[in-house]
């Protein structure tokens, strides 16, 4: 089992909404070193929550961690439309 707290920097700016997701991301990157379309929720500067997909991999040199490369895609509109569709179907059914 991975101890994500050991992998987290002590003065990390905290933008993730869900701590368990942060822990899973850190464990995955320290294990396989790769995330593909990993769903997460991030807090924007204005305080709103954005739904995103994260793609990330680890760069190592001589077996040692150097840095990660991360691409984040906002899918908030897609999530909103899916939830809206589910609400409309539920209203029609009930």
N, C-alpha and C. Protein backbone atom coordinates (compact mmCIF):
# COMPACT_ATOMS: atom_id res chain seq x y z
N UNK A 1 0.84 -1.19 0.00
CA UNK A 1 0.00 0.00 0.00
C UNK A 1 0.89 1.25 0.00
N UNK A 2 0.46 2.24 -0.70
CA UNK A 2 1.22 3.48 -0.85
C UNK A 2 0.87 4.46 0.26
N UNK A 3 1.87 5.13 0.80
CA UNK A 3 1.64 6.20 1.76
C UNK A 3 1.79 7.52 1.01
N UNK A 4 0.67 8.06 0.52
CA UNK A 4 0.70 9.27 -0.30
C UNK A 4 1.22 10.46 0.49
N UNK A 5 1.05 10.46 1.80
CA UNK A 5 1.53 11.60 2.60
C UNK A 5 3.04 11.76 2.49
N UNK A 6 3.75 10.65 2.33
CA UNK A 6 5.21 10.72 2.21
C UNK A 6 5.63 11.33 0.88
N UNK A 7 4.77 11.20 -0.15
CA UNK A 7 5.10 11.71 -1.48
C UNK A 7 4.69 13.16 -1.68
N UNK A 8 3.86 13.70 -0.79
CA UNK A 8 3.33 15.05 -0.97
C UNK A 8 4.30 16.09 -0.42
N UNK A 9 4.58 17.13 -1.21
CA UNK A 9 5.42 18.22 -0.68
C UNK A 9 4.75 18.88 0.51
N UNK A 10 5.53 19.40 1.44
CA UNK A 10 4.95 19.96 2.66
C UNK A 10 4.28 21.32 2.43
N UNK A 11 4.73 22.09 1.44
CA UNK A 11 4.15 23.42 1.20
C UNK A 11 3.43 23.45 -0.14
N UNK A 12 2.66 22.41 -0.43
CA UNK A 12 1.95 22.30 -1.69
C UNK A 12 0.71 23.19 -1.69
N UNK A 13 0.55 24.06 -2.72
CA UNK A 13 -0.72 24.78 -2.82
C UNK A 13 -1.82 23.76 -3.06
N UNK A 14 -2.91 23.87 -2.37
CA UNK A 14 -3.93 22.83 -2.41
C UNK A 14 -5.12 23.26 -3.27
N UNK A 15 -5.22 22.68 -4.46
CA UNK A 15 -6.29 23.02 -5.38
C UNK A 15 -7.28 21.88 -5.56
N UNK A 16 -6.89 20.67 -5.17
CA UNK A 16 -7.79 19.52 -5.32
C UNK A 16 -8.89 19.59 -4.27
N UNK A 17 -10.11 19.26 -4.67
CA UNK A 17 -11.25 19.28 -3.77
C UNK A 17 -11.26 18.03 -2.89
N UNK A 18 -10.88 16.89 -3.46
CA UNK A 18 -11.01 15.61 -2.77
C UNK A 18 -9.65 15.05 -2.38
N UNK A 19 -9.39 14.95 -1.07
CA UNK A 19 -8.10 14.46 -0.56
C UNK A 19 -7.83 13.03 -1.02
N UNK A 20 -8.86 12.18 -1.04
CA UNK A 20 -8.64 10.79 -1.45
C UNK A 20 -8.18 10.69 -2.90
N UNK A 21 -8.62 11.62 -3.74
CA UNK A 21 -8.19 11.64 -5.14
C UNK A 21 -6.72 12.04 -5.22
N UNK A 22 -6.30 13.02 -4.44
CA UNK A 22 -4.90 13.43 -4.40
C UNK A 22 -4.03 12.24 -3.99
N UNK A 23 -4.44 11.54 -2.94
CA UNK A 23 -3.68 10.39 -2.47
C UNK A 23 -3.57 9.32 -3.55
N UNK A 24 -4.66 9.05 -4.25
CA UNK A 24 -4.64 8.04 -5.31
C UNK A 24 -3.75 8.47 -6.47
N UNK A 25 -3.80 9.74 -6.83
CA UNK A 25 -2.95 10.26 -7.91
C UNK A 25 -1.47 10.07 -7.54
N UNK A 26 -1.10 10.46 -6.32
CA UNK A 26 0.29 10.33 -5.88
C UNK A 26 0.73 8.87 -5.83
N UNK A 27 -0.15 7.99 -5.37
CA UNK A 27 0.18 6.56 -5.32
C UNK A 27 0.36 6.00 -6.73
N UNK A 28 -0.53 6.38 -7.63
CA UNK A 28 -0.43 5.89 -9.01
C UNK A 28 0.85 6.37 -9.66
N UNK A 29 1.16 7.66 -9.52
CA UNK A 29 2.38 8.20 -10.13
C UNK A 29 3.64 7.59 -9.53
N UNK A 30 3.61 7.29 -8.24
CA UNK A 30 4.79 6.68 -7.63
C UNK A 30 4.91 5.21 -7.98
N UNK A 31 3.80 4.59 -8.40
CA UNK A 31 3.82 3.18 -8.79
C UNK A 31 4.08 3.01 -10.27
N UNK A 32 3.03 3.14 -11.06
CA UNK A 32 3.15 2.97 -12.51
C UNK A 32 3.75 4.18 -13.18
N UNK A 33 3.63 5.35 -12.53
CA UNK A 33 4.18 6.57 -13.09
C UNK A 33 3.35 7.15 -14.21
N UNK A 34 2.06 6.74 -14.31
CA UNK A 34 1.26 7.21 -15.43
C UNK A 34 -0.21 7.33 -15.04
N UNK A 35 -0.84 8.46 -15.40
CA UNK A 35 -2.29 8.65 -15.26
C UNK A 35 -2.85 8.93 -16.64
N UNK A 36 -3.96 8.28 -16.96
CA UNK A 36 -4.62 8.51 -18.25
C UNK A 36 -6.08 8.85 -18.01
N UNK A 37 -6.46 10.07 -18.35
CA UNK A 37 -7.85 10.54 -18.22
C UNK A 37 -8.41 10.27 -16.82
N UNK A 38 -7.66 10.65 -15.82
CA UNK A 38 -8.07 10.42 -14.43
C UNK A 38 -8.99 11.56 -14.00
N UNK A 39 -10.22 11.23 -13.58
CA UNK A 39 -11.17 12.30 -13.20
C UNK A 39 -10.84 12.89 -11.83
N UNK A 40 -10.98 14.21 -11.74
CA UNK A 40 -10.74 14.90 -10.47
C UNK A 40 -11.56 16.19 -10.46
N UNK A 41 -11.64 16.77 -9.27
CA UNK A 41 -12.29 18.08 -9.13
C UNK A 41 -11.26 19.04 -8.57
N UNK A 42 -11.12 20.19 -9.23
CA UNK A 42 -10.16 21.21 -8.81
C UNK A 42 -10.89 22.49 -8.44
N UNK A 43 -10.36 23.20 -7.47
CA UNK A 43 -10.93 24.48 -7.08
C UNK A 43 -10.23 25.59 -7.86
N UNK A 44 -11.03 26.40 -8.56
CA UNK A 44 -10.51 27.52 -9.35
C UNK A 44 -10.20 28.69 -8.42
N UNK A 45 -9.48 29.69 -8.93
CA UNK A 45 -9.13 30.87 -8.13
C UNK A 45 -10.36 31.58 -7.60
N UNK A 46 -11.47 31.54 -8.37
CA UNK A 46 -12.69 32.22 -7.93
C UNK A 46 -13.50 31.39 -6.93
N UNK A 47 -12.98 30.19 -6.57
CA UNK A 47 -13.66 29.34 -5.59
C UNK A 47 -14.58 28.30 -6.19
N UNK A 48 -14.87 28.41 -7.48
CA UNK A 48 -15.74 27.42 -8.12
C UNK A 48 -15.00 26.10 -8.29
N UNK A 49 -15.77 25.03 -8.48
CA UNK A 49 -15.20 23.70 -8.65
C UNK A 49 -15.28 23.32 -10.12
N UNK A 50 -14.17 22.86 -10.66
CA UNK A 50 -14.09 22.43 -12.06
C UNK A 50 -13.87 20.93 -12.11
N UNK A 51 -14.59 20.26 -12.98
CA UNK A 51 -14.39 18.84 -13.23
C UNK A 51 -13.35 18.72 -14.33
N UNK A 52 -12.32 17.89 -14.09
CA UNK A 52 -11.22 17.78 -15.04
C UNK A 52 -10.83 16.32 -15.25
N UNK A 53 -10.09 16.09 -16.34
CA UNK A 53 -9.41 14.82 -16.57
C UNK A 53 -7.93 15.12 -16.56
N UNK A 54 -7.16 14.31 -15.84
CA UNK A 54 -5.72 14.53 -15.70
C UNK A 54 -4.97 13.42 -16.43
N UNK A 55 -4.02 13.84 -17.27
CA UNK A 55 -3.07 12.93 -17.90
C UNK A 55 -1.70 13.35 -17.39
N UNK A 56 -0.96 12.40 -16.83
CA UNK A 56 0.33 12.75 -16.24
C UNK A 56 1.27 11.56 -16.31
N UNK A 57 2.55 11.85 -16.42
CA UNK A 57 3.56 10.80 -16.32
C UNK A 57 4.78 11.34 -15.59
N UNK A 58 5.61 10.42 -15.13
CA UNK A 58 6.78 10.76 -14.33
C UNK A 58 8.03 10.66 -15.20
N UNK A 59 8.89 11.66 -15.07
CA UNK A 59 10.20 11.61 -15.73
C UNK A 59 11.22 11.22 -14.67
N UNK A 60 11.97 10.16 -14.95
CA UNK A 60 13.02 9.73 -14.04
C UNK A 60 14.36 9.76 -14.76
N UNK A 61 15.40 9.93 -13.99
CA UNK A 61 16.77 9.88 -14.52
C UNK A 61 17.55 8.95 -13.60
N UNK A 62 18.12 7.92 -14.19
CA UNK A 62 18.86 6.90 -13.42
C UNK A 62 18.01 6.33 -12.30
N UNK A 63 16.73 6.10 -12.61
CA UNK A 63 15.81 5.51 -11.64
C UNK A 63 15.32 6.44 -10.55
N UNK A 64 15.68 7.71 -10.61
CA UNK A 64 15.28 8.69 -9.60
C UNK A 64 14.24 9.65 -10.16
N UNK A 65 13.24 9.95 -9.36
CA UNK A 65 12.20 10.90 -9.74
C UNK A 65 12.83 12.27 -10.02
N UNK A 66 12.45 12.87 -11.17
CA UNK A 66 12.91 14.22 -11.50
C UNK A 66 11.72 15.18 -11.46
N UNK A 67 10.67 14.87 -12.22
CA UNK A 67 9.46 15.70 -12.22
C UNK A 67 8.34 14.96 -12.92
N UNK A 68 7.16 15.54 -12.86
CA UNK A 68 6.02 14.99 -13.61
C UNK A 68 5.66 15.97 -14.71
N UNK A 69 5.00 15.44 -15.70
CA UNK A 69 4.42 16.27 -16.76
C UNK A 69 2.93 16.02 -16.67
N UNK A 70 2.15 17.09 -16.66
CA UNK A 70 0.72 16.95 -16.42
C UNK A 70 -0.08 17.81 -17.39
N UNK A 71 -1.12 17.21 -17.97
CA UNK A 71 -2.06 17.92 -18.82
C UNK A 71 -3.44 17.75 -18.22
N UNK A 72 -4.12 18.86 -18.01
CA UNK A 72 -5.44 18.84 -17.39
C UNK A 72 -6.45 19.40 -18.37
N UNK A 73 -7.53 18.65 -18.59
CA UNK A 73 -8.60 19.07 -19.50
C UNK A 73 -9.88 19.30 -18.71
N UNK A 74 -10.45 20.48 -18.84
CA UNK A 74 -11.70 20.80 -18.14
C UNK A 74 -12.87 20.12 -18.86
N UNK A 75 -13.65 19.37 -18.10
CA UNK A 75 -14.83 18.71 -18.65
C UNK A 75 -16.09 19.15 -17.91
N UNK A 76 -16.03 20.30 -17.25
CA UNK A 76 -17.16 20.77 -16.44
C UNK A 76 -18.45 20.89 -17.25
N UNK A 77 -18.37 21.42 -18.46
CA UNK A 77 -19.58 21.56 -19.28
C UNK A 77 -20.17 20.20 -19.62
N UNK A 78 -19.34 19.24 -19.94
CA UNK A 78 -19.80 17.89 -20.25
C UNK A 78 -20.47 17.26 -19.04
N UNK A 79 -19.85 17.41 -17.87
CA UNK A 79 -20.42 16.87 -16.63
C UNK A 79 -21.76 17.54 -16.34
N UNK A 80 -21.82 18.85 -16.51
CA UNK A 80 -23.07 19.58 -16.28
C UNK A 80 -24.17 19.07 -17.21
N UNK A 81 -23.86 18.88 -18.47
CA UNK A 81 -24.86 18.39 -19.43
C UNK A 81 -25.32 16.98 -19.09
N UNK A 82 -24.40 16.12 -18.66
CA UNK A 82 -24.79 14.77 -18.27
C UNK A 82 -25.72 14.79 -17.06
N UNK A 83 -25.38 15.60 -16.06
CA UNK A 83 -26.22 15.70 -14.87
C UNK A 83 -27.59 16.28 -15.21
N UNK A 84 -27.59 17.28 -16.07
CA UNK A 84 -28.85 17.88 -16.51
C UNK A 84 -29.73 16.84 -17.21
N UNK A 85 -29.13 16.03 -18.09
CA UNK A 85 -29.86 14.97 -18.77
C UNK A 85 -30.43 13.95 -17.80
N UNK A 86 -29.63 13.57 -16.80
CA UNK A 86 -30.10 12.62 -15.80
C UNK A 86 -31.27 13.19 -14.99
N UNK A 87 -31.20 14.45 -14.64
CA UNK A 87 -32.30 15.09 -13.91
C UNK A 87 -33.57 15.13 -14.74
N UNK A 88 -33.44 15.48 -16.01
CA UNK A 88 -34.61 15.52 -16.89
C UNK A 88 -35.24 14.13 -17.04
N UNK A 89 -34.42 13.09 -17.21
CA UNK A 89 -34.94 11.71 -17.33
C UNK A 89 -35.62 11.30 -16.04
N UNK A 90 -35.06 11.66 -14.89
CA UNK A 90 -35.64 11.30 -13.60
C UNK A 90 -36.99 11.98 -13.42
N UNK A 91 -37.09 13.24 -13.84
CA UNK A 91 -38.37 13.97 -13.72
C UNK A 91 -39.44 13.33 -14.59
N UNK A 92 -39.05 12.93 -15.80
CA UNK A 92 -40.02 12.29 -16.70
C UNK A 92 -40.47 10.94 -16.19
N UNK A 93 -39.57 10.20 -15.56
CA UNK A 93 -39.87 8.86 -15.07
C UNK A 93 -40.69 8.89 -13.78
N UNK A 94 -40.54 9.95 -13.00
CA UNK A 94 -41.16 9.93 -11.67
C UNK A 94 -42.15 10.98 -11.50
